[in-house]
Amino acid sequence: MGGNTYGKFFRITTWGESHGRALGVVIDGCPPGIKINEDEINKELNLRKPRNDELSTSRKEADRCEIMSGVFEGKTTGTPISIIVFNKDVDSSSYEKIKGIFRPGHADYTYFKKYGLYDYRGGGRASGRETVARVAAGAVARKVLEKEIKGFELFSFTKAIGKIRITEIDHTSLRRDEIINDRLWCPDKKISEQMTQEILNAKSKGESVGGFVEIVARNVPAGLGEPVFDKLEADIGKGLLSIGAIKGVEFGLGFNLSDLLGSESNDQMNSKGFLTNRAGGIVGGISNGEDIVVRVVVKPIPSISKEQKTVDIKGKESSIKIEGRHDPCAIPRINPVCEAMVAITILDHLLMQKSIGGIN
């Protein structure tokens, strides 16, 4: 199985399965001298793990990481950093009942077609549990970026869940420490309450819901990104689309740009800089110094208790009702995963740019 490594200068290789003994990541290319410890990584992991409420799965993993290498006396050494997170609350019993029956919306069928077998216990590598390794790596990337870029900020918020959404938002007023205090990472309390009800209504019917997450990176210097095949937005898009539940990505005004004229779409400039940020901070594949604004579509969790039609590994038609412990919505647990992939990608491009002489 290939495709477990991401990045060029700051490279991460993740491993592990949902119901395996552990998951982890090996980070290569991290600069030496960065202060980092397990508590800082665990702080990020805590944002991804389930909360003790009706909006989360009942699987309660502690998600406490252990740094196995690459850190000495609280600082990175420049050698590979290995981080491990042990699974402590695995229960595969509900999956035994549906062994050999493909779950709609999951990667069971495609894995079986590709490899001739698949891990039916929660999806193995295709499980959302895999993202714990990304968040650990993202915590390290964030620490490097905060050291290397003055005033660097990275945050995300929930823009929509189901049919409930925020119509307008002022990015300049948003702060991560305030956003994460909301149970759904929504900066509008009234909308958050409506989103909560949207999730609970779906859950009561044996259903799940999706939504939109918006990610913002502030004070990213101009000049990051390779202008042809390795555009900054192309790599950010790849990183985000590699997250299992993400089915679409847009930058700045995104698809709404199609409704505009050229004069309305362009970000004009004066002596002080750009007058607007419709491009989302990236032009010609290269960062322009404005906020990088990227939005992702999160599909509904495919594990639902409502009966669905499917087939088994022999091609026989069947029906399935999925039991077990599942989230009714991937949001907001997916939010820190999105942030992690953006942090990893920006750092990769920052180190790439430094290799040819830094930033102008």
Protein backbone atom coordinates (compact mmCIF):
# COMPACT_ATOMS: atom_id res chain seq x y z
CA MET A 1 0.00 0.00 0.00
CA GLY A 2 1.55 3.28 -1.11
CA GLY A 3 0.53 6.87 -0.55
CA ASN A 4 1.15 7.06 3.19
CA THR A 5 3.70 9.88 2.93
CA TYR A 6 2.83 13.54 2.38
CA GLY A 7 5.11 16.53 1.79
CA LYS A 8 8.55 17.12 0.29
CA PHE A 9 10.69 19.14 2.70
CA PHE A 10 8.48 18.58 5.75
CA ARG A 11 7.39 14.98 5.25
CA ILE A 12 4.99 12.92 7.29
CA THR A 13 4.34 9.20 7.06
CA THR A 14 1.31 7.94 8.98
CA TRP A 15 0.49 4.37 9.92
CA GLY A 16 -2.03 2.32 11.90
CA GLU A 17 -5.65 1.24 11.73
CA SER A 18 -8.87 2.07 13.54
CA HIS A 19 -8.98 -1.20 15.47
CA GLY A 20 -5.27 -1.96 15.51
CA ARG A 21 -2.97 -1.70 18.50
CA ALA A 22 -1.88 1.88 17.78
CA LEU A 23 -1.56 4.66 15.22
CA GLY A 24 1.31 7.00 14.63
CA VAL A 25 3.36 9.28 12.45
CA VAL A 26 7.02 9.68 11.49
CA ILE A 27 7.99 13.28 10.70
CA ASP A 28 11.09 13.95 8.63
CA GLY A 29 12.49 17.37 7.81
CA CYS A 30 11.53 19.18 11.00
CA PRO A 31 14.14 21.88 11.77
CA PRO A 32 16.18 21.45 14.97
CA GLY A 33 15.71 23.59 18.05
CA ILE A 34 11.90 23.78 18.04
CA LYS A 35 10.46 23.57 21.55
CA ILE A 36 7.83 20.83 21.66
CA ASN A 37 6.50 18.39 24.22
CA GLU A 38 3.78 15.76 24.50
CA ASP A 39 1.42 18.08 26.39
CA GLU A 40 1.38 20.54 23.47
CA ILE A 41 0.60 17.76 21.01
CA ASN A 42 -2.03 16.29 23.34
CA LYS A 43 -3.70 19.70 23.51
CA GLU A 44 -4.34 19.48 19.77
CA LEU A 45 -5.36 15.82 19.99
CA ASN A 46 -7.92 16.75 22.64
CA LEU A 47 -9.66 18.97 20.08
CA ARG A 48 -10.13 15.97 17.77
CA LYS A 49 -11.24 13.36 20.27
CA PRO A 50 -14.94 12.79 21.07
CA ARG A 51 -16.68 14.99 23.60
CA ASN A 52 -18.90 13.58 26.30
CA ASP A 53 -22.18 14.53 24.68
CA GLU A 54 -24.84 13.26 22.29
CA LEU A 55 -23.06 14.80 19.30
CA SER A 56 -20.09 12.42 19.47
CA THR A 57 -19.34 8.73 19.23
CA SER A 58 -19.38 6.78 22.48
CA ARG A 59 -15.92 5.38 21.71
CA LYS A 60 -13.75 7.09 24.32
CA GLU A 61 -10.10 7.03 23.35
CA ALA A 62 -7.71 8.93 25.63
CA ASP A 63 -5.56 9.90 22.60
CA ARG A 64 -2.46 10.57 24.67
CA CYS A 65 0.61 10.59 22.48
CA GLU A 66 4.15 9.44 23.21
CA ILE A 67 7.15 10.97 21.45
CA MET A 68 9.44 8.08 20.63
CA SER A 69 12.30 9.92 18.89
CA GLY A 70 13.56 13.20 17.49
CA VAL A 71 13.15 15.32 20.63
CA PHE A 72 15.86 15.82 23.26
CA GLU A 73 15.55 17.99 26.36
CA GLY A 74 12.32 19.48 25.03
CA LYS A 75 13.65 20.50 21.60
CA THR A 76 13.62 18.88 18.18
CA THR A 77 17.00 17.51 17.14
CA GLY A 78 16.52 17.59 13.36
CA THR A 79 16.27 13.80 13.21
CA PRO A 80 13.02 11.92 12.44
CA ILE A 81 10.29 12.50 15.02
CA SER A 82 8.19 9.44 15.78
CA ILE A 83 4.88 9.85 17.61
CA ILE A 84 2.60 7.02 18.71
CA VAL A 85 -0.98 6.96 20.02
CA PHE A 86 -2.23 3.66 21.43
CA ASN A 87 -5.82 2.52 20.93
CA LYS A 88 -7.36 1.88 24.34
CA ASP A 89 -11.09 1.48 23.68
CA VAL A 90 -11.42 -0.93 20.76
CA ASP A 91 -14.61 -2.99 20.39
CA SER A 92 -14.89 -4.93 17.12
CA SER A 93 -17.92 -7.02 18.11
CA SER A 94 -20.47 -5.00 16.11
CA TYR A 95 -18.37 -5.41 12.97
CA GLU A 96 -18.32 -9.19 13.25
CA LYS A 97 -22.06 -9.17 12.49
CA ILE A 98 -21.53 -7.47 9.11
CA LYS A 99 -18.28 -9.13 8.12
CA GLY A 100 -18.17 -9.62 4.35
CA ILE A 101 -20.98 -7.12 3.66
CA PHE A 102 -19.95 -3.83 2.09
CA ARG A 103 -21.06 -0.72 3.95
CA PRO A 104 -22.48 1.97 1.61
CA GLY A 105 -20.43 5.16 1.57
CA HIS A 106 -17.39 3.43 3.07
CA ALA A 107 -14.22 2.28 1.31
CA ASP A 108 -14.96 -1.41 1.95
CA TYR A 109 -15.87 -2.16 -1.67
CA THR A 110 -13.04 -0.17 -3.27
CA TYR A 111 -10.39 -1.55 -0.88
CA PHE A 112 -11.62 -5.06 -1.66
CA LYS A 113 -11.41 -4.41 -5.38
CA LYS A 114 -7.92 -2.94 -5.07
CA TYR A 115 -6.32 -5.36 -2.57
CA GLY A 116 -8.54 -8.44 -2.63
CA LEU A 117 -9.33 -7.99 1.06
CA TYR A 118 -10.32 -5.25 3.48
CA ASP A 119 -10.27 -4.59 7.22
CA TYR A 120 -13.95 -4.77 8.16
CA ARG A 121 -13.23 -3.55 11.72
CA GLY A 122 -14.10 0.09 11.31
CA GLY A 123 -12.47 0.42 7.92
CA GLY A 124 -8.83 0.05 8.94
CA ARG A 125 -6.77 2.78 7.25
CA ALA A 126 -9.91 4.25 5.68
CA SER A 127 -11.34 5.10 9.11
CA GLY A 128 -11.53 8.64 10.42
CA ARG A 129 -9.45 7.30 13.31
CA GLU A 130 -6.45 7.54 10.97
CA THR A 131 -6.55 11.33 11.29
CA VAL A 132 -5.19 11.26 14.84
CA ALA A 133 -1.69 10.91 13.32
CA ARG A 134 -2.26 13.94 11.08
CA VAL A 135 -3.26 16.11 14.04
CA ALA A 136 -0.12 15.07 15.94
CA ALA A 137 2.04 16.04 12.95
CA GLY A 138 0.08 19.25 12.52
CA ALA A 139 0.82 20.23 16.11
CA VAL A 140 4.55 20.02 15.36
CA ALA A 141 4.12 21.95 12.09
CA ARG A 142 2.17 24.68 13.90
CA LYS A 143 4.99 25.10 16.44
CA VAL A 144 7.55 25.57 13.66
CA LEU A 145 5.36 28.06 11.81
CA GLU A 146 4.76 30.10 14.96
CA LYS A 147 8.53 30.36 15.41
CA GLU A 148 9.36 31.08 11.77
CA ILE A 149 6.49 33.47 10.86
CA LYS A 150 5.82 36.51 13.02
CA GLY A 151 2.16 36.72 14.01
CA PHE A 152 1.22 33.43 12.33
CA GLU A 153 -2.32 32.32 13.12
CA LEU A 154 -4.28 29.32 11.91
CA PHE A 155 -7.87 28.57 12.82
CA SER A 156 -11.04 27.05 11.43
CA PHE A 157 -14.73 27.39 12.11
CA THR A 158 -17.93 25.62 11.21
CA LYS A 159 -19.76 27.53 8.49
CA ALA A 160 -22.59 25.08 7.87
CA ILE A 161 -24.10 21.85 9.13
CA GLY A 162 -26.85 20.38 7.01
CA LYS A 163 -29.11 23.21 5.86
CA ILE A 164 -28.08 25.53 8.71
CA ARG A 165 -25.31 27.95 7.80
CA ILE A 166 -23.62 31.25 8.54
CA THR A 167 -24.30 33.68 5.69
CA GLU A 168 -21.78 36.40 6.54
CA ILE A 169 -18.74 36.45 8.80
CA ASP A 170 -15.99 38.98 9.56
CA HIS A 171 -12.72 37.02 9.65
CA THR A 172 -10.84 39.84 11.36
CA SER A 173 -12.88 39.41 14.54
CA LEU A 174 -12.33 35.65 14.86
CA ARG A 175 -9.93 34.08 17.36
CA ARG A 176 -9.23 30.37 17.69
CA ASP A 177 -9.37 30.30 21.49
CA GLU A 178 -12.91 31.71 21.33
CA ILE A 179 -14.10 29.51 18.46
CA ILE A 180 -13.12 26.22 20.12
CA ASN A 181 -15.14 27.08 23.21
CA ASP A 182 -18.28 26.42 21.19
CA ARG A 183 -19.28 22.74 21.02
CA LEU A 184 -19.52 22.94 17.22
CA TRP A 185 -16.73 25.48 16.63
CA CYS A 186 -19.34 27.94 15.35
CA PRO A 187 -18.66 31.65 16.05
CA ASP A 188 -22.38 32.47 16.06
CA LYS A 189 -24.04 31.12 19.21
CA LYS A 190 -27.57 31.28 17.83
CA ILE A 191 -26.58 29.46 14.63
CA SER A 192 -24.63 26.92 16.70
CA GLU A 193 -27.79 26.02 18.61
CA GLN A 194 -29.65 25.51 15.33
CA MET A 195 -26.78 23.36 14.03
CA THR A 196 -26.93 21.23 17.15
CA GLN A 197 -30.63 20.60 16.60
CA GLU A 198 -29.94 19.73 12.96
CA ILE A 199 -27.53 16.99 14.07
CA LEU A 200 -29.85 15.66 16.76
CA ASN A 201 -32.80 15.55 14.35
CA ALA A 202 -30.77 13.48 11.90
CA LYS A 203 -29.49 11.20 14.65
CA SER A 204 -33.03 10.52 15.89
CA LYS A 205 -33.89 9.21 12.41
CA GLY A 206 -30.83 6.97 12.18
CA GLU A 207 -29.19 9.46 9.82
CA SER A 208 -26.11 11.69 9.74
CA VAL A 209 -25.32 15.14 8.32
CA GLY A 210 -22.41 16.94 6.68
CA GLY A 211 -21.45 20.58 6.32
CA PHE A 212 -18.83 23.21 5.52
CA VAL A 213 -15.63 24.06 7.41
CA GLU A 214 -13.65 27.23 6.67
CA ILE A 215 -9.92 27.43 7.43
CA VAL A 216 -7.99 30.71 7.70
CA ALA A 217 -4.21 31.22 7.89
CA ARG A 218 -3.06 34.71 8.80
CA ASN A 219 0.27 36.48 8.17
CA VAL A 220 1.54 33.88 5.74
CA PRO A 221 4.30 35.70 3.80
CA ALA A 222 3.99 36.39 0.10
CA GLY A 223 6.04 34.13 -2.15
CA LEU A 224 5.14 30.60 -1.02
CA GLY A 225 4.18 28.10 -3.71
CA GLU A 226 5.54 26.75 -6.98
CA PRO A 227 3.71 28.32 -9.93
CA VAL A 228 2.90 25.31 -12.13
CA PHE A 229 2.16 21.81 -10.80
CA ASP A 230 3.00 22.50 -7.15
CA LYS A 231 0.83 25.57 -6.65
CA LEU A 232 0.21 26.37 -3.00
CA GLU A 233 -3.55 25.97 -3.39
CA ALA A 234 -3.06 22.73 -5.34
CA ASP A 235 -1.06 21.23 -2.49
CA ILE A 236 -3.39 22.56 0.19
CA GLY A 237 -6.26 21.11 -1.83
CA LYS A 238 -4.53 17.75 -2.05
CA GLY A 239 -3.84 17.71 1.68
CA LEU A 240 -7.45 18.51 2.51
CA LEU A 241 -8.93 16.14 -0.07
CA SER A 242 -6.80 13.35 1.38
CA ILE A 243 -9.02 13.52 4.47
CA GLY A 244 -11.63 10.80 4.02
CA ALA A 245 -14.78 12.87 4.59
CA ILE A 246 -13.77 15.85 2.42
CA LYS A 247 -15.44 15.93 -1.01
CA GLY A 248 -14.76 19.48 -2.20
CA VAL A 249 -12.40 22.44 -1.70
CA GLU A 250 -12.61 26.11 -2.68
CA PHE A 251 -10.45 29.18 -2.04
CA GLY A 252 -11.56 32.75 -1.41
CA LEU A 253 -14.92 33.30 -3.09
CA GLY A 254 -14.50 29.90 -4.72
CA PHE A 255 -17.40 28.82 -6.92
CA ASN A 256 -19.10 32.19 -6.40
CA LEU A 257 -16.42 33.74 -8.65
CA SER A 258 -18.30 32.28 -11.61
CA ASP A 259 -21.08 34.82 -11.05
CA LEU A 260 -18.74 37.83 -11.27
CA LEU A 261 -17.21 39.93 -14.04
CA GLY A 262 -13.44 40.21 -14.28
CA SER A 263 -13.43 43.63 -12.63
CA GLU A 264 -15.48 42.22 -9.77
CA SER A 265 -13.31 39.12 -9.40
CA ASN A 266 -9.89 40.78 -9.43
CA ASP A 267 -8.27 41.91 -6.20
CA GLN A 268 -7.15 45.44 -7.05
CA MET A 269 -4.19 47.06 -5.30
CA ASN A 270 -2.97 50.41 -4.07
CA SER A 271 0.24 51.51 -2.38
CA LYS A 272 -0.87 49.87 0.86
CA GLY A 273 -1.65 46.49 -0.64
CA PHE A 274 -4.68 44.57 -1.85
CA LEU A 275 -8.10 46.19 -1.57
CA THR A 276 -9.98 42.87 -1.40
CA ASN A 277 -9.18 39.17 -0.92
CA ARG A 278 -11.49 37.36 -3.32
CA ALA A 279 -8.66 35.03 -4.37
CA GLY A 280 -8.23 33.75 -0.82
CA GLY A 281 -4.60 34.80 -0.41
CA ILE A 282 -3.15 32.88 -3.36
CA VAL A 283 -2.60 34.17 -6.91
CA GLY A 284 -0.79 32.26 -9.66
CA GLY A 285 -0.25 29.43 -7.22
CA ILE A 286 1.79 31.70 -4.91
CA SER A 287 0.77 33.31 -1.62
CA ASN A 288 0.26 37.09 -1.85
CA GLY A 289 0.45 37.97 1.85
CA GLU A 290 -3.30 38.19 2.42
CA ASP A 291 -5.17 35.72 4.63
CA ILE A 292 -5.32 32.28 3.08
CA VAL A 293 -9.01 31.37 3.13
CA VAL A 294 -10.06 27.85 2.16
CA ARG A 295 -13.40 26.09 2.52
CA VAL A 296 -14.14 22.36 2.49
CA VAL A 297 -17.27 20.27 2.02
CA VAL A 298 -17.65 17.53 4.62
CA LYS A 299 -19.88 14.64 3.61
CA PRO A 300 -22.29 12.98 6.08
CA ILE A 301 -20.80 10.14 8.12
CA PRO A 302 -21.63 6.96 6.12
CA SER A 303 -22.18 4.79 9.21
CA ILE A 304 -25.91 5.13 9.88
CA SER A 305 -28.42 2.82 11.56
CA LYS A 306 -30.99 3.31 8.81
CA GLU A 307 -31.35 0.20 6.64
CA GLN A 308 -29.56 0.42 3.27
CA LYS A 309 -29.18 -1.78 0.21
CA THR A 310 -25.78 -3.30 -0.58
CA VAL A 311 -23.96 -6.47 -1.68
CA ASP A 312 -21.55 -8.89 -0.02
CA ILE A 313 -18.08 -9.96 -1.16
CA LYS A 314 -19.65 -12.64 -3.40
CA GLY A 315 -21.85 -10.07 -5.14
CA LYS A 316 -25.06 -11.25 -3.48
CA GLU A 317 -27.62 -8.52 -2.81
CA SER A 318 -28.18 -7.76 0.84
CA SER A 319 -29.30 -5.06 3.24
CA ILE A 320 -27.42 -3.59 6.17
CA LYS A 321 -28.08 -1.65 9.37
CA ILE A 322 -24.80 -0.45 10.85
CA GLU A 323 -24.44 -0.73 14.60
CA GLY A 324 -21.53 0.38 16.75
CA ARG A 325 -20.16 3.71 17.91
CA HIS A 326 -20.21 6.50 15.34
CA ASP A 327 -20.47 10.27 15.15
CA PRO A 328 -23.68 11.67 13.66
CA CYS A 329 -21.54 14.43 12.10
CA ALA A 330 -17.80 14.65 11.39
CA ILE A 331 -17.88 18.32 12.38
CA PRO A 332 -16.30 19.69 14.58
CA ARG A 333 -13.90 16.78 15.14
CA ILE A 334 -12.68 17.15 11.57
CA ASN A 335 -11.86 20.85 12.04
CA PRO A 336 -8.46 20.32 13.74
CA VAL A 337 -7.64 17.72 11.08
CA CYS A 338 -8.20 20.35 8.38
CA GLU A 339 -6.03 22.80 10.27
CA ALA A 340 -3.29 20.17 10.58
CA MET A 341 -3.16 19.53 6.82
CA VAL A 342 -3.02 23.26 6.07
CA ALA A 343 -0.23 23.76 8.63
CA ILE A 344 1.79 20.85 7.25
CA THR A 345 1.43 22.15 3.68
CA ILE A 346 2.31 25.76 4.47
CA LEU A 347 5.39 24.65 6.42
CA ASP A 348 6.45 22.37 3.57
CA HIS A 349 6.29 25.32 1.16
CA LEU A 350 8.04 27.64 3.62
CA LEU A 351 10.97 25.23 3.89
CA MET A 352 10.89 24.81 0.10
CA GLN A 353 11.16 28.57 -0.34
CA LYS A 354 14.00 28.82 2.18
CA SER A 355 15.94 26.31 0.12
CA ILE A 356 16.11 28.82 -2.75
CA GLY A 357 16.88 31.87 -0.66
CA GLY A 358 13.97 32.69 1.59
CA ILE A 359 11.21 35.28 1.32
CA ASN A 360 11.52 38.74 -0.27
